[in-house]
PDB file of N, CA and C in Angstrom:
ATOM      1  N   MET A   1     -22.168 -74.728-152.940  1.00  0.00           N
ATOM      2  CA  MET A   1     -21.089 -75.489-153.521  1.00  0.00           C
ATOM      3  C   MET A   1     -20.290 -76.095-152.372  1.00  0.00           C
ATOM      4  N   ASN A   2     -19.990 -77.382-152.486  1.00  0.00           N
ATOM      5  CA  ASN A   2     -19.255 -78.109-151.453  1.00  0.00           C
ATOM      6  C   ASN A   2     -17.905 -78.577-151.984  1.00  0.00           C
ATOM      7  N   LYS A   3     -16.983 -78.801-151.086  1.00  0.00           N
ATOM      8  CA  LYS A   3     -15.650 -79.277-151.428  1.00  0.00           C
ATOM      9  C   LYS A   3     -15.603 -80.774-151.141  1.00  0.00           C
ATOM     10  N   HIS A   4     -15.281 -81.589-152.161  1.00  0.00           N
ATOM     11  CA  HIS A   4     -15.239 -83.046-152.032  1.00  0.00           C
ATOM     12  C   HIS A   4     -13.816 -83.520-152.316  1.00  0.00           C
ATOM     13  N   PHE A   5     -13.315 -84.441-151.490  1.00  0.00           N
ATOM     14  CA  PHE A   5     -12.013 -85.048-151.743  1.00  0.00           C
ATOM     15  C   PHE A   5     -12.254 -86.387-152.418  1.00  0.00           C
ATOM     16  N   LEU A   6     -11.655 -86.561-153.599  1.00  0.00           N
ATOM     17  CA  LEU A   6     -11.852 -87.797-154.359  1.00  0.00           C
ATOM     18  C   LEU A   6     -10.540 -88.283-154.932  1.00  0.00           C
ATOM     19  N   LYS A   7     -10.469 -89.597-155.146  1.00  0.00           N
ATOM     20  CA  LYS A   7      -9.391 -90.148-155.963  1.00  0.00           C
ATOM     21  C   LYS A   7      -9.844 -90.024-157.403  1.00  0.00           C
ATOM     22  N   ILE A   8      -8.997 -89.465-158.224  1.00  0.00           N
ATOM     23  CA  ILE A   8      -9.344 -89.221-159.616  1.00  0.00           C
ATOM     24  C   ILE A   8      -9.048 -90.467-160.441  1.00  0.00           C
ATOM     25  N   PRO A   9     -10.031 -90.961-161.205  1.00  0.00           N
ATOM     26  CA  PRO A   9      -9.801 -92.148-162.037  1.00  0.00           C
ATOM     27  C   PRO A   9      -8.666 -91.899-163.020  1.00  0.00           C
ATOM     28  N   TYR A  10      -7.712 -92.799-163.038  1.00  0.00           N
ATOM     29  CA  TYR A  10      -6.549 -92.653-163.905  1.00  0.00           C
ATOM     30  C   TYR A  10      -6.098 -94.042-164.286  1.00  0.00           C
ATOM     31  N   SER A  11      -6.046 -94.361-165.549  1.00  0.00           N
ATOM     32  CA  SER A  11      -5.818 -95.739-165.965  1.00  0.00           C
ATOM     33  C   SER A  11      -4.354 -96.164-166.002  1.00  0.00           C
ATOM     34  N   TYR A  12      -3.423 -95.247-165.808  1.00  0.00           N
ATOM     35  CA  TYR A  12      -2.009 -95.605-165.809  1.00  0.00           C
ATOM     36  C   TYR A  12      -1.508 -95.708-164.375  1.00  0.00           C
ATOM     37  N   THR A  13      -1.700 -96.853-163.744  1.00  0.00           N
ATOM     38  CA  THR A  13      -1.393 -96.997-162.321  1.00  0.00           C
ATOM     39  C   THR A  13       0.099 -96.914-162.017  1.00  0.00           C
ATOM     40  N   GLN A  14       0.973 -97.127-162.991  1.00  0.00           N
ATOM     41  CA  GLN A  14       2.399 -97.037-162.703  1.00  0.00           C
ATOM     42  C   GLN A  14       2.822 -95.610-162.349  1.00  0.00           C
ATOM     43  N   TYR A  15       1.990 -94.622-162.629  1.00  0.00           N
ATOM     44  CA  TYR A  15       2.324 -93.234-162.315  1.00  0.00           C
ATOM     45  C   TYR A  15       1.866 -92.820-160.926  1.00  0.00           C
ATOM     46  N   ALA A  16       1.169 -93.661-160.206  1.00  0.00           N
ATOM     47  CA  ALA A  16       0.663 -93.399-158.852  1.00  0.00           C
ATOM     48  C   ALA A  16      -0.812 -93.005-158.902  1.00  0.00           C
ATOM     49  N   ASP A  17      -1.397 -92.894-157.739  1.00  0.00           N
ATOM     50  CA  ASP A  17      -2.809 -92.498-157.628  1.00  0.00           C
ATOM     51  C   ASP A  17      -2.917 -90.989-157.671  1.00  0.00           C
ATOM     52  N   LEU A  18      -3.933 -90.511-158.336  1.00  0.00           N
ATOM     53  CA  LEU A  18      -4.228 -89.084-158.336  1.00  0.00           C
ATOM     54  C   LEU A  18      -5.402 -88.841-157.406  1.00  0.00           C
ATOM     55  N   SER A  19      -5.307 -87.803-156.640  1.00  0.00           N
ATOM     56  CA  SER A  19      -6.416 -87.432-155.774  1.00  0.00           C
ATOM     57  C   SER A  19      -6.418 -85.922-155.632  1.00  0.00           C
ATOM     58  N   GLY A  20      -7.538 -85.397-155.221  1.00  0.00           N
ATOM     59  CA  GLY A  20      -7.617 -83.965-155.051  1.00  0.00           C
ATOM     60  C   GLY A  20      -9.014 -83.526-154.663  1.00  0.00           C
ATOM     61  N   PHE A  21      -9.183 -82.223-154.593  1.00  0.00           N
ATOM     62  CA  PHE A  21     -10.461 -81.650-154.208  1.00  0.00           C
ATOM     63  C   PHE A  21     -11.225 -81.203-155.445  1.00  0.00           C
ATOM     64  N   VAL A  22     -12.517 -81.462-155.431  1.00  0.00           N
ATOM     65  CA  VAL A  22     -13.407 -81.056-156.506  1.00  0.00           C
ATOM     66  C   VAL A  22     -14.538 -80.262-155.854  1.00  0.00           C
ATOM     67  N   TYR A  23     -14.847 -79.122-156.416  1.00  0.00           N
ATOM     68  CA  TYR A  23     -15.962 -78.311-155.924  1.00  0.00           C
ATOM     69  C   TYR A  23     -17.199 -78.619-156.749  1.00  0.00           C
ATOM     70  N   ALA A  24     -18.256 -79.069-156.075  1.00  0.00           N
ATOM     71  CA  ALA A  24     -19.485 -79.454-156.769  1.00  0.00           C
ATOM     72  C   ALA A  24     -20.662 -79.333-155.813  1.00  0.00           C
ATOM     73  N   GLU A  25     -21.854 -79.344-156.387  1.00  0.00           N
ATOM     74  CA  GLU A  25     -23.077 -79.244-155.587  1.00  0.00           C
ATOM     75  C   GLU A  25     -23.329 -80.503-154.761  1.00  0.00           C
ATOM     76  N   ASP A  26     -23.042 -81.686-155.331  1.00  0.00           N
ATOM     77  CA  ASP A  26     -23.259 -82.932-154.604  1.00  0.00           C
ATOM     78  C   ASP A  26     -22.194 -83.949-155.006  1.00  0.00           C
ATOM     79  N   GLU A  27     -22.215 -85.098-154.338  1.00  0.00           N
ATOM     80  CA  GLU A  27     -21.175 -86.107-154.566  1.00  0.00           C
ATOM     81  C   GLU A  27     -21.229 -86.680-155.981  1.00  0.00           C
ATOM     82  N   GLU A  28     -22.401 -86.843-156.536  1.00  0.00           N
ATOM     83  CA  GLU A  28     -22.529 -87.372-157.899  1.00  0.00           C
ATOM     84  C   GLU A  28     -21.867 -86.427-158.904  1.00  0.00           C
ATOM     85  N   GLU A  29     -22.130 -85.138-158.775  1.00  0.00           N
ATOM     86  CA  GLU A  29     -21.504 -84.159-159.661  1.00  0.00           C
ATOM     87  C   GLU A  29     -19.990 -84.150-159.463  1.00  0.00           C
ATOM     88  N   ALA A  30     -19.539 -84.308-158.215  1.00  0.00           N
ATOM     89  CA  ALA A  30     -18.099 -84.354-157.933  1.00  0.00           C
ATOM     90  C   ALA A  30     -17.451 -85.542-158.637  1.00  0.00           C
ATOM     91  N   ARG A  31     -18.118 -86.704-158.614  1.00  0.00           N
ATOM     92  CA  ARG A  31     -17.580 -87.886-159.306  1.00  0.00           C
ATOM     93  C   ARG A  31     -17.511 -87.658-160.811  1.00  0.00           C
ATOM     94  N   GLU A  32     -18.537 -87.034-161.383  1.00  0.00           N
ATOM     95  CA  GLU A  32     -18.536 -86.757-162.822  1.00  0.00           C
ATOM     96  C   GLU A  32     -17.386 -85.821-163.198  1.00  0.00           C
ATOM     97  N   LEU A  33     -17.175 -84.786-162.389  1.00  0.00           N
ATOM     98  CA  LEU A  33     -16.071 -83.865-162.659  1.00  0.00           C
ATOM     99  C   LEU A  33     -14.724 -84.564-162.534  1.00  0.00           C
ATOM    100  N   ALA A  34     -14.579 -85.408-161.520  1.00  0.00           N
ATOM    101  CA  ALA A  34     -13.329 -86.154-161.341  1.00  0.00           C
ATOM    102  C   ALA A  34     -13.079 -87.075-162.528  1.00  0.00           C
ATOM    103  N   HIS A  35     -14.136 -87.697-163.034  1.00  0.00           N
ATOM    104  CA  HIS A  35     -13.996 -88.575-164.194  1.00  0.00           C
ATOM    105  C   HIS A  35     -13.535 -87.770-165.414  1.00  0.00           C
ATOM    106  N   GLU A  36     -14.104 -86.599-165.617  1.00  0.00           N
ATOM    107  CA  GLU A  36     -13.691 -85.747-166.742  1.00  0.00           C
ATOM    108  C   GLU A  36     -12.220 -85.361-166.619  1.00  0.00           C
ATOM    109  N   ILE A  37     -11.792 -85.028-165.418  1.00  0.00           N
ATOM    110  CA  ILE A  37     -10.380 -84.683-165.193  1.00  0.00           C
ATOM    111  C   ILE A  37      -9.496 -85.881-165.505  1.00  0.00           C
ATOM    112  N   GLY A  38      -9.899 -87.058-165.038  1.00  0.00           N
ATOM    113  CA  GLY A  38      -9.138 -88.282-165.312  1.00  0.00           C
ATOM    114  C   GLY A  38      -9.037 -88.566-166.796  1.00  0.00           C
ATOM    115  N   MET A  39     -10.124 -88.358-167.528  1.00  0.00           N
ATOM    116  CA  MET A  39     -10.112 -88.602-168.972  1.00  0.00           C
ATOM    117  C   MET A  39      -9.187 -87.620-169.681  1.00  0.00           C
ATOM    118  N   ARG A  40      -9.139 -86.364-169.222  1.00  0.00           N
ATOM    119  CA  ARG A  40      -8.226 -85.385-169.818  1.00  0.00           C
ATOM    120  C   ARG A  40      -6.779 -85.803-169.585  1.00  0.00           C
ATOM    121  N   MET A  41      -6.504 -86.342-168.394  1.00  0.00           N
ATOM    122  CA  MET A  41      -5.144 -86.773-168.077  1.00  0.00           C
ATOM    123  C   MET A  41      -4.718 -87.927-168.991  1.00  0.00           C
ATOM    124  N   VAL A  42      -5.623 -88.852-169.249  1.00  0.00           N
ATOM    125  CA  VAL A  42      -5.316 -90.004-170.102  1.00  0.00           C
ATOM    126  C   VAL A  42      -5.084 -89.574-171.545  1.00  0.00           C
ATOM    127  N   THR A  43      -5.895 -88.665-172.053  1.00  0.00           N
ATOM    128  CA  THR A  43      -5.790 -88.280-173.446  1.00  0.00           C
ATOM    129  C   THR A  43      -4.593 -87.378-173.727  1.00  0.00           C
ATOM    130  N   LYS A  44      -3.994 -86.793-172.694  1.00  0.00           N
ATOM    131  CA  LYS A  44      -2.789 -85.967-172.889  1.00  0.00           C
ATOM    132  C   LYS A  44      -1.588 -86.812-173.252  1.00  0.00           C
ATOM    133  N   LYS A  45      -1.554 -88.058-172.826  1.00  0.00           N
ATOM    134  CA  LYS A  45      -0.399 -88.942-173.059  1.00  0.00           C
ATOM    135  C   LYS A  45      -0.367 -89.450-174.477  1.00  0.00           C
TER     136      LYS A  45
END
């Protein structure tokens, strides 16, 4: 498992950029996890 630093996709840019670390086997999996996190953030609003 590797630690990847990514900007998390977030569609409300007025709130600033989200970024953080994602633990995943490879970069593709890290992007998928970041996308899921971003989608959860959007649906909470």
